Amino acid sequence: MFRPDLQDALRDRDAVLRSFLDEDGSLRSIPTKIRKRLVVLDHLAQEFEPGERYDETAVNNRLRAFHPDIAAPRRYLVEEGFLDRADGFYWRAGGTVA
């Protein structure tokens, strides 16, 4: 599957976030197009501090603030390399640092 470069996808960051986030910051829907999904995932990844480890409950609680379906964003964050997972813990593995 073709995966666009994150930096290239982020050129449209503001427009993508306006399209997929409500005014309160919650996620209306998860983009189906990979380029837009990477922008949204990068935004979600900002909730996780580089170097910190999070158990699944902590990850779920952070994601719940954005979307009631926490499994899909969590899975996408791992699949696209924004978070890594081992032994029941998650940590920030990619994305931009704000």
N, C-alpha and C. Protein backbone atom coordinates (compact mmCIF):
# COMPACT_ATOMS: atom_id res chain seq x y z
N MET A 1 0.84 -1.18 0.00
CA MET A 1 0.00 0.00 0.00
C MET A 1 0.89 1.24 0.00
N PHE A 2 0.54 2.20 -0.80
CA PHE A 2 1.28 3.45 -0.88
C PHE A 2 1.06 4.26 0.39
N ARG A 3 2.14 4.72 0.99
CA ARG A 3 2.06 5.56 2.17
C ARG A 3 2.77 6.88 1.87
N PRO A 4 2.03 7.96 1.81
CA PRO A 4 2.66 9.25 1.54
C PRO A 4 3.59 9.66 2.68
N ASP A 5 4.54 10.49 2.38
CA ASP A 5 5.44 11.03 3.37
C ASP A 5 4.65 11.93 4.32
N LEU A 6 4.90 11.79 5.62
CA LEU A 6 4.18 12.58 6.61
C LEU A 6 4.36 14.07 6.38
N GLN A 7 5.58 14.50 6.14
CA GLN A 7 5.82 15.93 5.94
C GLN A 7 5.06 16.46 4.73
N ASP A 8 4.95 15.65 3.70
CA ASP A 8 4.17 16.04 2.52
C ASP A 8 2.69 16.15 2.88
N ALA A 9 2.19 15.17 3.63
CA ALA A 9 0.77 15.18 4.04
C ALA A 9 0.47 16.38 4.93
N LEU A 10 1.42 16.78 5.76
CA LEU A 10 1.19 17.87 6.70
C LEU A 10 1.09 19.25 6.04
N ARG A 11 1.42 19.33 4.77
CA ARG A 11 1.26 20.62 4.07
C ARG A 11 -0.20 21.08 4.08
N ASP A 12 -1.12 20.12 4.14
CA ASP A 12 -2.55 20.43 4.17
C ASP A 12 -3.13 20.31 5.58
N ARG A 13 -2.29 20.35 6.59
CA ARG A 13 -2.68 20.08 7.97
C ARG A 13 -3.90 20.88 8.42
N ASP A 14 -3.84 22.19 8.30
CA ASP A 14 -4.93 23.01 8.82
C ASP A 14 -6.26 22.70 8.15
N ALA A 15 -6.26 22.54 6.84
CA ALA A 15 -7.50 22.23 6.12
C ALA A 15 -8.04 20.86 6.51
N VAL A 16 -7.16 19.89 6.65
CA VAL A 16 -7.60 18.54 7.03
C VAL A 16 -8.19 18.56 8.44
N LEU A 17 -7.51 19.20 9.36
CA LEU A 17 -8.03 19.24 10.74
C LEU A 17 -9.35 19.98 10.82
N ARG A 18 -9.52 21.05 10.05
CA ARG A 18 -10.81 21.75 10.03
C ARG A 18 -11.92 20.83 9.52
N SER A 19 -11.58 19.97 8.57
CA SER A 19 -12.58 19.07 7.99
C SER A 19 -12.97 17.92 8.93
N PHE A 20 -12.03 17.48 9.76
CA PHE A 20 -12.28 16.27 10.54
C PHE A 20 -12.43 16.48 12.05
N LEU A 21 -12.14 17.69 12.53
CA LEU A 21 -12.29 17.97 13.96
C LEU A 21 -13.41 18.97 14.19
N ASP A 22 -14.21 18.71 15.23
CA ASP A 22 -15.22 19.68 15.65
C ASP A 22 -14.53 20.81 16.40
N GLU A 23 -15.27 21.86 16.69
CA GLU A 23 -14.71 23.01 17.41
C GLU A 23 -14.16 22.62 18.77
N ASP A 24 -14.75 21.61 19.41
CA ASP A 24 -14.27 21.17 20.72
C ASP A 24 -13.05 20.25 20.62
N GLY A 25 -12.59 19.98 19.41
CA GLY A 25 -11.41 19.14 19.20
C GLY A 25 -11.71 17.68 19.00
N SER A 26 -13.00 17.30 19.13
CA SER A 26 -13.33 15.89 18.93
C SER A 26 -13.30 15.54 17.44
N LEU A 27 -13.05 14.30 17.18
CA LEU A 27 -12.91 13.79 15.83
C LEU A 27 -14.28 13.42 15.27
N ARG A 28 -14.66 14.07 14.17
CA ARG A 28 -15.95 13.76 13.53
C ARG A 28 -15.94 12.36 12.94
N SER A 29 -14.87 12.05 12.25
CA SER A 29 -14.69 10.73 11.64
C SER A 29 -13.22 10.53 11.36
N ILE A 30 -12.86 9.29 11.12
CA ILE A 30 -11.48 8.95 10.78
C ILE A 30 -11.37 8.96 9.26
N PRO A 31 -10.47 9.75 8.72
CA PRO A 31 -10.36 9.82 7.25
C PRO A 31 -10.05 8.46 6.63
N THR A 32 -10.65 8.20 5.50
CA THR A 32 -10.35 6.96 4.78
C THR A 32 -9.13 7.11 3.89
N LYS A 33 -8.88 8.32 3.40
CA LYS A 33 -7.70 8.55 2.57
C LYS A 33 -6.48 8.63 3.48
N ILE A 34 -5.47 7.84 3.13
CA ILE A 34 -4.29 7.71 3.98
C ILE A 34 -3.60 9.05 4.22
N ARG A 35 -3.51 9.89 3.23
CA ARG A 35 -2.84 11.19 3.38
C ARG A 35 -3.52 12.02 4.47
N LYS A 36 -4.83 12.06 4.46
CA LYS A 36 -5.58 12.82 5.47
C LYS A 36 -5.53 12.11 6.82
N ARG A 37 -5.57 10.78 6.80
CA ARG A 37 -5.52 10.03 8.05
C ARG A 37 -4.19 10.27 8.76
N LEU A 38 -3.09 10.37 8.02
CA LEU A 38 -1.80 10.63 8.65
C LEU A 38 -1.80 11.98 9.37
N VAL A 39 -2.45 12.96 8.81
CA VAL A 39 -2.54 14.28 9.45
C VAL A 39 -3.30 14.16 10.77
N VAL A 40 -4.42 13.48 10.75
CA VAL A 40 -5.23 13.30 11.96
C VAL A 40 -4.47 12.47 12.99
N LEU A 41 -3.80 11.41 12.55
CA LEU A 41 -3.04 10.58 13.48
C LEU A 41 -1.89 11.36 14.11
N ASP A 42 -1.23 12.20 13.33
CA ASP A 42 -0.17 13.02 13.88
C ASP A 42 -0.73 13.95 14.96
N HIS A 43 -1.91 14.48 14.71
CA HIS A 43 -2.57 15.34 15.70
C HIS A 43 -2.86 14.55 16.98
N LEU A 44 -3.37 13.34 16.84
CA LEU A 44 -3.67 12.51 18.01
C LEU A 44 -2.39 12.12 18.75
N ALA A 45 -1.33 11.87 18.00
CA ALA A 45 -0.06 11.46 18.61
C ALA A 45 0.51 12.53 19.52
N GLN A 46 0.12 13.78 19.32
CA GLN A 46 0.60 14.87 20.17
C GLN A 46 0.17 14.69 21.63
N GLU A 47 -0.82 13.85 21.87
CA GLU A 47 -1.30 13.59 23.23
C GLU A 47 -0.34 12.69 24.02
N PHE A 48 0.65 12.15 23.36
CA PHE A 48 1.57 11.21 23.99
C PHE A 48 2.98 11.80 23.98
N GLU A 49 3.57 11.89 25.16
CA GLU A 49 4.89 12.49 25.31
C GLU A 49 5.97 11.50 24.85
N PRO A 50 6.88 11.95 24.01
CA PRO A 50 8.01 11.08 23.64
C PRO A 50 8.78 10.64 24.89
N GLY A 51 9.13 9.38 24.94
CA GLY A 51 9.90 8.86 26.06
C GLY A 51 9.06 8.31 27.20
N GLU A 52 7.75 8.56 27.20
CA GLU A 52 6.88 8.03 28.26
C GLU A 52 6.20 6.76 27.78
N ARG A 53 5.93 5.86 28.71
CA ARG A 53 5.21 4.63 28.41
C ARG A 53 3.80 4.74 29.00
N TYR A 54 2.84 4.20 28.28
CA TYR A 54 1.44 4.29 28.69
C TYR A 54 0.83 2.90 28.67
N ASP A 55 0.07 2.55 29.72
CA ASP A 55 -0.67 1.30 29.64
C ASP A 55 -1.89 1.52 28.75
N GLU A 56 -2.58 0.44 28.39
CA GLU A 56 -3.69 0.54 27.44
C GLU A 56 -4.81 1.43 27.97
N THR A 57 -5.06 1.39 29.26
CA THR A 57 -6.10 2.24 29.84
C THR A 57 -5.77 3.71 29.65
N ALA A 58 -4.53 4.09 29.86
CA ALA A 58 -4.13 5.49 29.68
C ALA A 58 -4.26 5.91 28.22
N VAL A 59 -3.88 5.02 27.30
CA VAL A 59 -4.04 5.32 25.87
C VAL A 59 -5.51 5.50 25.54
N ASN A 60 -6.33 4.57 26.00
CA ASN A 60 -7.77 4.64 25.73
C ASN A 60 -8.38 5.93 26.28
N ASN A 61 -8.00 6.31 27.49
CA ASN A 61 -8.54 7.53 28.09
C ASN A 61 -8.17 8.77 27.29
N ARG A 62 -6.95 8.83 26.80
CA ARG A 62 -6.54 9.98 25.99
C ARG A 62 -7.29 10.01 24.66
N LEU A 63 -7.46 8.86 24.05
CA LEU A 63 -8.15 8.81 22.76
C LEU A 63 -9.65 9.05 22.89
N ARG A 64 -10.21 8.65 24.02
CA ARG A 64 -11.65 8.83 24.25
C ARG A 64 -12.04 10.31 24.20
N ALA A 65 -11.13 11.19 24.51
CA ALA A 65 -11.40 12.63 24.44
C ALA A 65 -11.64 13.09 23.00
N PHE A 66 -11.19 12.29 22.04
CA PHE A 66 -11.33 12.64 20.63
C PHE A 66 -12.43 11.87 19.91
N HIS A 67 -12.66 10.62 20.32
CA HIS A 67 -13.58 9.77 19.55
C HIS A 67 -14.06 8.62 20.43
N PRO A 68 -15.36 8.29 20.37
CA PRO A 68 -15.86 7.20 21.22
C PRO A 68 -15.33 5.82 20.82
N ASP A 69 -15.00 5.63 19.54
CA ASP A 69 -14.43 4.36 19.08
C ASP A 69 -12.93 4.45 19.26
N ILE A 70 -12.44 4.01 20.41
CA ILE A 70 -11.01 4.15 20.70
C ILE A 70 -10.17 3.08 20.01
N ALA A 71 -10.77 1.95 19.67
CA ALA A 71 -9.99 0.85 19.09
C ALA A 71 -9.43 1.22 17.72
N ALA A 72 -10.23 1.85 16.88
CA ALA A 72 -9.76 2.18 15.53
C ALA A 72 -8.61 3.19 15.55
N PRO A 73 -8.74 4.32 16.24
CA PRO A 73 -7.60 5.25 16.27
C PRO A 73 -6.35 4.62 16.90
N ARG A 74 -6.52 3.83 17.95
CA ARG A 74 -5.37 3.19 18.59
C ARG A 74 -4.68 2.24 17.61
N ARG A 75 -5.47 1.46 16.90
CA ARG A 75 -4.91 0.53 15.91
C ARG A 75 -4.18 1.28 14.80
N TYR A 76 -4.80 2.35 14.28
CA TYR A 76 -4.16 3.14 13.23
C TYR A 76 -2.87 3.79 13.72
N LEU A 77 -2.86 4.28 14.96
CA LEU A 77 -1.64 4.90 15.50
C LEU A 77 -0.49 3.90 15.53
N VAL A 78 -0.80 2.66 15.87
CA VAL A 78 0.24 1.62 15.90
C VAL A 78 0.61 1.21 14.47
N GLU A 79 -0.37 0.94 13.64
CA GLU A 79 -0.10 0.49 12.26
C GLU A 79 0.72 1.50 11.48
N GLU A 80 0.47 2.78 11.70
CA GLU A 80 1.17 3.82 10.93
C GLU A 80 2.44 4.32 11.62
N GLY A 81 2.82 3.69 12.73
CA GLY A 81 4.10 3.99 13.35
C GLY A 81 4.15 5.20 14.25
N PHE A 82 2.99 5.72 14.65
CA PHE A 82 2.97 6.85 15.58
C PHE A 82 3.16 6.37 17.02
N LEU A 83 2.62 5.20 17.33
CA LEU A 83 2.82 4.55 18.62
C LEU A 83 3.39 3.16 18.38
N ASP A 84 4.16 2.69 19.35
CA ASP A 84 4.63 1.31 19.33
C ASP A 84 4.05 0.62 20.56
N ARG A 85 4.05 -0.72 20.53
CA ARG A 85 3.40 -1.45 21.62
C ARG A 85 4.19 -2.72 21.92
N ALA A 86 4.35 -3.01 23.21
CA ALA A 86 4.95 -4.27 23.65
C ALA A 86 4.62 -4.48 25.12
N ASP A 87 4.39 -5.72 25.47
CA ASP A 87 4.16 -6.10 26.87
C ASP A 87 3.08 -5.27 27.56
N GLY A 88 2.03 -4.92 26.82
CA GLY A 88 0.91 -4.18 27.40
C GLY A 88 1.14 -2.69 27.54
N PHE A 89 2.24 -2.19 27.01
CA PHE A 89 2.53 -0.76 27.09
C PHE A 89 2.69 -0.17 25.70
N TYR A 90 2.38 1.12 25.61
CA TYR A 90 2.50 1.88 24.36
C TYR A 90 3.44 3.05 24.60
N TRP A 91 4.11 3.49 23.56
CA TRP A 91 4.95 4.67 23.64
C TRP A 91 5.00 5.34 22.27
N ARG A 92 5.29 6.62 22.30
CA ARG A 92 5.35 7.43 21.09
C ARG A 92 6.55 6.97 20.25
N ALA A 93 6.30 6.64 19.00
CA ALA A 93 7.35 6.13 18.12
C ALA A 93 7.55 6.98 16.87
N GLY A 94 6.66 7.93 16.63
CA GLY A 94 6.79 8.72 15.41
C GLY A 94 5.92 9.95 15.46
N GLY A 95 5.88 10.62 14.33
CA GLY A 95 5.10 11.85 14.21
C GLY A 95 5.94 13.06 14.55
N THR A 96 5.33 14.19 14.45
CA THR A 96 6.01 15.45 14.73
C THR A 96 5.97 15.74 16.23
N VAL A 97 6.84 16.59 16.67
CA VAL A 97 6.86 17.01 18.07
C VAL A 97 6.49 18.49 18.10
N ALA A 98 5.40 18.78 18.77
CA ALA A 98 4.92 20.17 18.81
C ALA A 98 5.65 20.99 19.83
